[in-house]
Amino acid sequence: MYLHIGGEHTVRTRDILGIFDLDNTSTSRDTREFLRRAEQEGRVVNVSPDLPKSFLVCGSAPYTVYICQISAATLKKRSGFLDETKLNL
């Protein structure tokens, strides 16, 4: 299954390692360092010119980081991760 993450970008849901809220996670020094390094290595794709709300880490090493304007909660709902969790209970 594919997840539309904004603009003309989609990612395969099986490639998603994590969906993160940018406001909550960027307060951590480790997260800021991770994003800074990914940016320096050219592994960041900014999906939208609007104010970013979340980021996704996809693929295997080296990872790709997608920064998008859609909230983490909306992306999680769209991806079906919440539905899969219910099925595993």
C-alpha atoms as a PDB file:
ATOM      1  CA  MET A   1       0.000   0.000   0.000  1.00  0.00           C
ATOM      2  CA  TYR A   2       1.120   3.562  -0.636  1.00  0.00           C
ATOM      3  CA  LEU A   3       0.756   6.649   1.521  1.00  0.00           C
ATOM      4  CA  HIS A   4       0.307  10.119   0.016  1.00  0.00           C
ATOM      5  CA  ILE A   5       2.485  12.477   2.066  1.00  0.00           C
ATOM      6  CA  GLY A   6       1.800  15.733   0.247  1.00  0.00           C
ATOM      7  CA  GLY A   7       2.517  17.372  -3.061  1.00  0.00           C
ATOM      8  CA  GLU A   8       3.179  14.713  -5.651  1.00  0.00           C
ATOM      9  CA  HIS A   9       4.923  12.373  -3.213  1.00  0.00           C
ATOM     10  CA  THR A  10       3.922   8.925  -2.052  1.00  0.00           C
ATOM     11  CA  VAL A  11       5.850   6.298  -0.096  1.00  0.00           C
ATOM     12  CA  ARG A  12       5.268   2.588   0.381  1.00  0.00           C
ATOM     13  CA  THR A  13       3.882   1.928   3.845  1.00  0.00           C
ATOM     14  CA  ARG A  14       6.176  -1.052   4.321  1.00  0.00           C
ATOM     15  CA  ASP A  15       9.178   1.300   3.887  1.00  0.00           C
ATOM     16  CA  ILE A  16       8.060   3.629   6.700  1.00  0.00           C
ATOM     17  CA  LEU A  17      10.168   3.211   9.815  1.00  0.00           C
ATOM     18  CA  GLY A  18       8.589   6.052  11.736  1.00  0.00           C
ATOM     19  CA  ILE A  19       6.218   9.005  11.562  1.00  0.00           C
ATOM     20  CA  PHE A  20       7.140  11.846  13.892  1.00  0.00           C
ATOM     21  CA  ASP A  21       5.517  15.082  15.009  1.00  0.00           C
ATOM     22  CA  LEU A  22       8.049  17.812  14.279  1.00  0.00           C
ATOM     23  CA  ASP A  23       7.045  20.090  17.174  1.00  0.00           C
ATOM     24  CA  ASN A  24       7.332  17.383  19.831  1.00  0.00           C
ATOM     25  CA  THR A  25      10.436  15.603  18.591  1.00  0.00           C
ATOM     26  CA  SER A  26      12.538  18.596  17.524  1.00  0.00           C
ATOM     27  CA  THR A  27      12.973  19.607  21.154  1.00  0.00           C
ATOM     28  CA  SER A  28      15.365  16.673  21.548  1.00  0.00           C
ATOM     29  CA  ARG A  29      19.016  17.396  20.802  1.00  0.00           C
ATOM     30  CA  ASP A  30      19.387  13.883  19.324  1.00  0.00           C
ATOM     31  CA  THR A  31      16.529  14.431  16.879  1.00  0.00           C
ATOM     32  CA  ARG A  32      17.900  17.791  15.780  1.00  0.00           C
ATOM     33  CA  GLU A  33      21.305  16.178  15.231  1.00  0.00           C
ATOM     34  CA  PHE A  34      19.728  13.309  13.245  1.00  0.00           C
ATOM     35  CA  LEU A  35      17.869  15.760  10.997  1.00  0.00           C
ATOM     36  CA  ARG A  36      20.944  17.983  10.587  1.00  0.00           C
ATOM     37  CA  ARG A  37      23.080  15.013   9.545  1.00  0.00           C
ATOM     38  CA  ALA A  38      20.449  13.722   7.135  1.00  0.00           C
ATOM     39  CA  GLU A  39      20.272  17.199   5.587  1.00  0.00           C
ATOM     40  CA  GLN A  40      24.056  17.372   5.177  1.00  0.00           C
ATOM     41  CA  GLU A  41      24.092  13.943   3.549  1.00  0.00           C
ATOM     42  CA  GLY A  42      21.353  14.933   1.090  1.00  0.00           C
ATOM     43  CA  ARG A  43      18.814  12.455   2.442  1.00  0.00           C
ATOM     44  CA  VAL A  44      16.069  14.981   3.268  1.00  0.00           C
ATOM     45  CA  VAL A  45      13.169  15.548   0.890  1.00  0.00           C
ATOM     46  CA  ASN A  46      11.025  18.569   1.690  1.00  0.00           C
ATOM     47  CA  VAL A  47       7.631  17.630   0.296  1.00  0.00           C
ATOM     48  CA  SER A  48       5.897  20.976   0.768  1.00  0.00           C
ATOM     49  CA  PRO A  49       6.758  24.659   0.809  1.00  0.00           C
ATOM     50  CA  ASP A  50       4.281  25.161   3.676  1.00  0.00           C
ATOM     51  CA  LEU A  51       5.121  25.068   7.371  1.00  0.00           C
ATOM     52  CA  PRO A  52       6.253  21.512   8.204  1.00  0.00           C
ATOM     53  CA  LYS A  53       4.342  19.541  10.825  1.00  0.00           C
ATOM     54  CA  SER A  54       5.894  16.087  10.639  1.00  0.00           C
ATOM     55  CA  PHE A  55       8.638  13.977   9.203  1.00  0.00           C
ATOM     56  CA  LEU A  56       8.880  10.360   8.109  1.00  0.00           C
ATOM     57  CA  VAL A  57      11.926   8.129   8.135  1.00  0.00           C
ATOM     58  CA  CYS A  58      11.766   5.605   5.302  1.00  0.00           C
ATOM     59  CA  GLY A  59      13.808   2.820   3.781  1.00  0.00           C
ATOM     60  CA  SER A  60      16.870   1.045   5.021  1.00  0.00           C
ATOM     61  CA  ALA A  61      20.295   2.529   5.656  1.00  0.00           C
ATOM     62  CA  PRO A  62      20.851   5.084   4.307  1.00  0.00           C
ATOM     63  CA  TYR A  63      17.434   6.341   5.338  1.00  0.00           C
ATOM     64  CA  THR A  64      15.403   8.987   3.550  1.00  0.00           C
ATOM     65  CA  VAL A  65      13.703  11.663   5.640  1.00  0.00           C
ATOM     66  CA  TYR A  66      10.545  13.254   4.228  1.00  0.00           C
ATOM     67  CA  ILE A  67       9.448  16.557   5.765  1.00  0.00           C
ATOM     68  CA  CYS A  68       5.786  17.359   5.149  1.00  0.00           C
ATOM     69  CA  GLN A  69       2.972  19.680   6.174  1.00  0.00           C
ATOM     70  CA  ILE A  70       0.524  16.908   7.078  1.00  0.00           C
ATOM     71  CA  SER A  71       0.261  16.151  10.784  1.00  0.00           C
ATOM     72  CA  ALA A  72       1.734  12.933  12.142  1.00  0.00           C
ATOM     73  CA  ALA A  73      -1.688  11.843  13.420  1.00  0.00           C
ATOM     74  CA  THR A  74      -3.249  12.228   9.960  1.00  0.00           C
ATOM     75  CA  LEU A  75      -0.398  10.343   8.305  1.00  0.00           C
ATOM     76  CA  LYS A  76      -0.742   7.506  10.803  1.00  0.00           C
ATOM     77  CA  LYS A  77      -4.472   7.261  10.153  1.00  0.00           C
ATOM     78  CA  ARG A  78      -3.957   7.320   6.388  1.00  0.00           C
ATOM     79  CA  SER A  79      -1.285   4.660   6.578  1.00  0.00           C
ATOM     80  CA  GLY A  80      -3.519   2.199   8.361  1.00  0.00           C
ATOM     81  CA  PHE A  81      -0.996   1.644  11.160  1.00  0.00           C
ATOM     82  CA  LEU A  82      -3.728   2.216  13.723  1.00  0.00           C
ATOM     83  CA  ASP A  83      -5.956  -0.368  12.026  1.00  0.00           C
ATOM     84  CA  GLU A  84      -3.138  -2.930  12.007  1.00  0.00           C
ATOM     85  CA  THR A  85      -2.608  -2.356  15.729  1.00  0.00           C
ATOM     86  CA  LYS A  86      -6.259  -3.138  16.399  1.00  0.00           C
ATOM     87  CA  LEU A  87      -5.984  -6.362  14.419  1.00  0.00           C
ATOM     88  CA  ASN A  88      -3.008  -7.528  16.486  1.00  0.00           C
ATOM     89  CA  LEU A  89      -4.819  -7.194  19.822  1.00  0.00           C
END
